[in-house]
Amino acid sequence: MRGGGLADAYSMYKRASTKDQFTDYEDREENLDRTENGVWKEIGNPSWKRPLPHILVAIISSLLFGYHLGVVNDTLESMSLDLDFSGSTLAEGLVVSTCLGGALLGSIFSGWIADGVGRRRGFQLCALPMIIGASMSAATSTLGVMLLGRLFVGIGMGLGPAVAALYVAEVSPAFVRGTYGSFTQIATCLGLLGSLLIGIPAKDTAGGEFAFGYPPFLLHYLLF
């Protein structure tokens, strides 16, 4: 009897202990849920409006990427007359491809620059060669300086979009990260479209087509 009583007492103690532990766990879980809900409302699901202005400025680099890809299409003929390489397919090919070669160089170092100096300084570094290159391209009267200017512009083109995509992904809230991530591609397409529209009146203006790029270059540099 005595042994049976001890066994029953132990069994009741065990059930009571388990029940207490379960109750404590429920209390902790309830407190945790309240804490997590409070944090989720404040941090885990932030407003989508707060990073939007920064993202719109960041994608200017993608806009300029598309702009410089398309701006040379309509203006190449008038440029060749102004710089005395009309009829030279080699020179025309160099004017177009030098920019892409610079973009390759810029893209190779874009990740290292973004990690080394930060995202915002990376934007400044990508805007600087584009300002210099556009100035050289707009003011030159020789093919060599034009090619050098296009090379500088290409380096900025290669640096900017990679840093922009990284920056947008980092500052975007999780629930709109895909939407904001698509803004870089949309900006590239808008830059292409804008360059083609600008090229319609600019194709008859010898030597001045790249001056259309100054305002966004300065805006991009000053805001960052």
Protein backbone atom coordinates (compact mmCIF):
# COMPACT_ATOMS: atom_id res chain seq x y z
CA MET A 1 0.00 0.00 0.00
CA ARG A 2 2.71 2.29 1.00
CA GLY A 3 4.57 1.70 -2.22
CA GLY A 4 1.39 2.21 -4.22
CA GLY A 5 0.71 5.48 -2.41
CA LEU A 6 4.19 6.73 -3.19
CA ALA A 7 3.70 5.78 -6.83
CA ASP A 8 0.37 7.62 -6.97
CA ALA A 9 1.86 10.67 -5.29
CA TYR A 10 4.78 10.67 -7.72
CA SER A 11 2.37 10.31 -10.65
CA MET A 12 0.26 13.23 -9.42
CA TYR A 13 3.39 15.32 -8.87
CA LYS A 14 4.62 14.49 -12.33
CA ARG A 15 1.30 15.46 -13.95
CA ALA A 16 1.15 18.65 -11.93
CA SER A 17 4.74 19.49 -12.80
CA THR A 18 4.12 18.86 -16.49
CA LYS A 19 0.98 20.98 -16.36
CA ASP A 20 2.88 23.80 -14.68
CA GLN A 21 5.62 23.59 -17.25
CA PHE A 22 3.06 23.65 -20.06
CA THR A 23 1.32 26.65 -18.49
CA ASP A 24 4.64 28.45 -18.13
CA TYR A 25 5.44 27.66 -21.76
CA GLU A 26 2.06 29.05 -22.86
CA ASP A 27 2.68 32.20 -20.86
CA ARG A 28 6.12 32.61 -22.38
CA GLU A 29 4.75 31.92 -25.86
CA GLU A 30 1.96 34.46 -25.35
CA ASN A 31 4.46 37.08 -24.20
CA LEU A 32 6.72 36.21 -27.09
CA ASP A 33 3.86 36.58 -29.53
CA ARG A 34 3.02 39.95 -28.11
CA THR A 35 6.64 41.00 -28.32
CA GLU A 36 7.02 39.69 -31.85
CA ASN A 37 3.80 41.35 -32.93
CA GLY A 38 4.94 44.65 -31.54
CA VAL A 39 8.33 44.38 -33.22
CA TRP A 40 6.76 43.18 -36.47
CA LYS A 41 4.47 46.17 -36.60
CA GLU A 42 7.31 48.57 -35.92
CA ILE A 43 10.29 47.01 -37.72
CA GLY A 44 9.36 43.92 -39.72
CA ASN A 45 6.78 45.65 -41.90
CA PRO A 46 7.95 49.28 -42.29
CA SER A 47 6.31 51.83 -44.52
CA TRP A 48 7.00 51.46 -48.23
CA LYS A 49 7.04 55.25 -48.61
CA ARG A 50 10.12 55.94 -46.54
CA PRO A 51 12.79 54.39 -48.84
CA LEU A 52 11.01 55.40 -52.07
CA PRO A 53 12.75 58.81 -52.57
CA HIS A 54 16.17 57.21 -52.03
CA ILE A 55 15.34 54.45 -54.49
CA LEU A 56 14.16 56.93 -57.13
CA VAL A 57 17.47 58.78 -56.87
CA ALA A 58 19.47 55.54 -56.95
CA ILE A 59 17.90 54.33 -60.19
CA ILE A 60 19.07 57.48 -61.99
CA SER A 61 22.24 55.50 -62.70
CA SER A 62 20.17 52.87 -64.51
CA LEU A 63 18.33 55.65 -66.35
CA LEU A 64 21.65 57.04 -67.55
CA PHE A 65 22.78 53.56 -68.54
CA GLY A 66 19.85 53.25 -70.91
CA TYR A 67 20.26 56.85 -72.06
CA HIS A 68 23.85 56.37 -73.19
CA LEU A 69 23.10 53.08 -74.88
CA GLY A 70 20.56 54.75 -77.15
CA VAL A 71 21.69 58.35 -77.52
CA VAL A 72 24.35 57.56 -80.10
CA ASN A 73 21.91 56.01 -82.58
CA ASP A 74 20.40 59.17 -84.05
CA THR A 75 23.39 61.44 -83.47
CA LEU A 76 26.15 59.29 -84.98
CA GLU A 77 25.75 60.69 -88.49
CA SER A 78 25.90 64.34 -87.46
CA MET A 79 28.77 63.54 -85.10
CA SER A 80 30.76 61.94 -87.90
CA LEU A 81 30.38 65.06 -90.03
CA ASP A 82 31.44 67.31 -87.17
CA LEU A 83 34.48 65.23 -86.22
CA ASP A 84 35.54 64.41 -89.82
CA PHE A 85 35.18 60.64 -89.74
CA SER A 86 32.17 60.38 -92.03
CA GLY A 87 32.21 57.19 -94.05
CA SER A 88 34.66 55.40 -91.74
CA THR A 89 32.88 52.35 -90.37
CA LEU A 90 35.83 51.66 -88.06
CA ALA A 91 35.56 55.06 -86.42
CA GLU A 92 31.79 54.76 -86.11
CA GLY A 93 32.16 51.33 -84.54
CA LEU A 94 34.73 52.67 -82.05
CA VAL A 95 32.46 55.54 -80.99
CA VAL A 96 29.71 53.03 -80.21
CA SER A 97 31.78 50.21 -78.71
CA THR A 98 34.22 52.27 -76.62
CA CYS A 99 31.38 53.09 -74.27
CA LEU A 100 30.56 49.39 -73.87
CA GLY A 101 34.22 48.58 -73.24
CA GLY A 102 34.28 51.16 -70.47
CA ALA A 103 31.09 49.66 -69.05
CA LEU A 104 32.84 46.29 -68.88
CA LEU A 105 35.72 47.81 -66.90
CA GLY A 106 33.35 49.60 -64.57
CA SER A 107 31.25 46.51 -63.91
CA ILE A 108 34.35 44.48 -63.02
CA PHE A 109 35.23 46.90 -60.20
CA SER A 110 31.68 47.84 -59.15
CA GLY A 111 31.39 45.20 -56.43
CA TRP A 112 34.79 46.03 -54.97
CA ILE A 113 33.94 49.75 -54.89
CA ALA A 114 30.53 49.12 -53.31
CA ASP A 115 32.11 47.01 -50.57
CA GLY A 116 35.11 49.29 -50.09
CA VAL A 117 33.61 52.79 -49.95
CA GLY A 118 29.91 52.07 -49.42
CA ARG A 119 26.85 52.36 -51.60
CA ARG A 120 26.36 56.12 -51.54
CA ARG A 121 30.03 56.90 -52.21
CA GLY A 122 29.85 54.34 -54.97
CA PHE A 123 27.11 56.40 -56.61
CA GLN A 124 29.29 59.49 -56.44
CA LEU A 125 32.18 57.63 -58.02
CA CYS A 126 29.98 56.41 -60.87
CA ALA A 127 28.59 59.92 -61.50
CA LEU A 128 32.01 61.57 -61.62
CA PRO A 129 33.41 59.82 -64.75
CA MET A 130 30.05 60.30 -66.47
CA ILE A 131 30.18 64.06 -65.89
CA ILE A 132 33.79 64.21 -67.11
CA GLY A 133 33.09 62.00 -70.11
CA ALA A 134 29.98 63.90 -71.15
CA SER A 135 31.85 67.20 -70.90
CA MET A 136 34.68 65.89 -73.06
CA SER A 137 32.29 64.41 -75.62
CA ALA A 138 30.24 67.60 -75.91
CA ALA A 139 33.18 70.01 -76.16
CA THR A 140 35.63 68.06 -78.33
CA SER A 141 36.43 68.60 -81.98
CA THR A 142 38.60 65.50 -82.42
CA LEU A 143 37.80 61.81 -82.62
CA GLY A 144 40.40 60.81 -80.03
CA VAL A 145 38.95 62.99 -77.28
CA MET A 146 35.47 61.79 -78.19
CA LEU A 147 36.56 58.17 -77.73
CA LEU A 148 38.20 59.00 -74.40
CA GLY A 149 35.04 60.75 -73.25
CA ARG A 150 32.94 57.79 -74.28
CA LEU A 151 35.28 55.52 -72.32
CA PHE A 152 34.79 57.59 -69.16
CA VAL A 153 31.02 57.56 -69.65
CA GLY A 154 31.12 53.78 -70.07
CA ILE A 155 33.06 53.32 -66.83
CA GLY A 156 30.34 55.24 -64.99
CA MET A 157 27.70 53.15 -66.76
CA GLY A 158 29.31 49.96 -65.55
CA LEU A 159 29.68 51.14 -61.97
CA GLY A 160 26.24 52.63 -61.43
CA PRO A 161 23.60 49.98 -62.18
CA ALA A 162 25.31 47.26 -60.14
CA VAL A 163 25.57 49.51 -57.08
CA ALA A 164 21.99 50.70 -57.65
CA ALA A 165 20.60 47.16 -57.72
CA LEU A 166 22.47 46.33 -54.52
CA TYR A 167 21.33 49.51 -52.79
CA VAL A 168 17.69 49.06 -53.79
CA ALA A 169 17.64 45.47 -52.53
CA GLU A 170 19.13 46.52 -49.19
CA VAL A 171 16.86 49.46 -48.39
CA SER A 172 13.60 47.99 -49.70
CA PRO A 173 11.14 46.42 -47.23
CA ALA A 174 10.76 42.70 -47.77
CA PHE A 175 7.13 42.85 -48.86
CA VAL A 176 7.89 45.28 -51.75
CA ARG A 177 11.46 44.27 -52.52
CA GLY A 178 10.54 42.65 -55.81
CA THR A 179 8.50 45.68 -56.89
CA TYR A 180 11.26 48.12 -56.05
CA GLY A 181 13.87 45.82 -57.56
CA SER A 182 12.12 46.09 -60.93
CA PHE A 183 12.56 49.86 -60.88
CA THR A 184 16.17 49.55 -62.06
CA GLN A 185 15.09 47.75 -65.24
CA ILE A 186 12.20 50.16 -65.77
CA ALA A 187 14.62 53.08 -65.45
CA THR A 188 16.94 51.52 -68.05
CA CYS A 189 14.06 51.18 -70.51
CA LEU A 190 12.94 54.75 -69.84
CA GLY A 191 16.49 55.95 -70.46
CA LEU A 192 16.56 54.16 -73.82
CA LEU A 193 13.20 55.62 -74.79
CA GLY A 194 14.18 59.10 -73.67
CA SER A 195 17.45 59.02 -75.61
CA LEU A 196 15.65 58.06 -78.79
CA LEU A 197 13.14 60.88 -78.34
CA ILE A 198 15.93 63.37 -77.61
CA GLY A 199 17.84 62.09 -80.63
CA ILE A 200 15.10 63.22 -83.03
CA PRO A 201 15.92 66.94 -82.75
CA ALA A 202 19.54 66.36 -81.71
CA LYS A 203 20.55 64.46 -84.85
CA ASP A 204 20.67 67.72 -86.81
CA THR A 205 22.74 69.48 -84.10
CA ALA A 206 26.40 68.73 -84.73
CA GLY A 207 28.60 68.19 -81.71
CA GLY A 208 26.06 69.00 -78.99
CA GLU A 209 24.16 65.78 -78.43
CA PHE A 210 25.84 64.79 -75.18
CA ALA A 211 25.00 68.11 -73.53
CA PHE A 212 21.56 66.68 -72.82
CA GLY A 213 23.16 64.50 -70.18
CA TYR A 214 24.46 67.27 -67.92
CA PRO A 215 21.36 67.85 -65.73
CA PRO A 216 20.90 64.22 -64.63
CA PHE A 217 24.66 63.84 -64.08
CA LEU A 218 24.77 66.84 -61.75
CA LEU A 219 21.57 65.80 -59.99
CA HIS A 220 22.94 62.32 -59.47
CA TYR A 221 26.20 63.60 -58.01
CA LEU A 222 24.84 66.37 -55.79
CA LEU A 223 22.06 64.35 -54.18
CA PHE A 224 24.48 61.61 -53.14
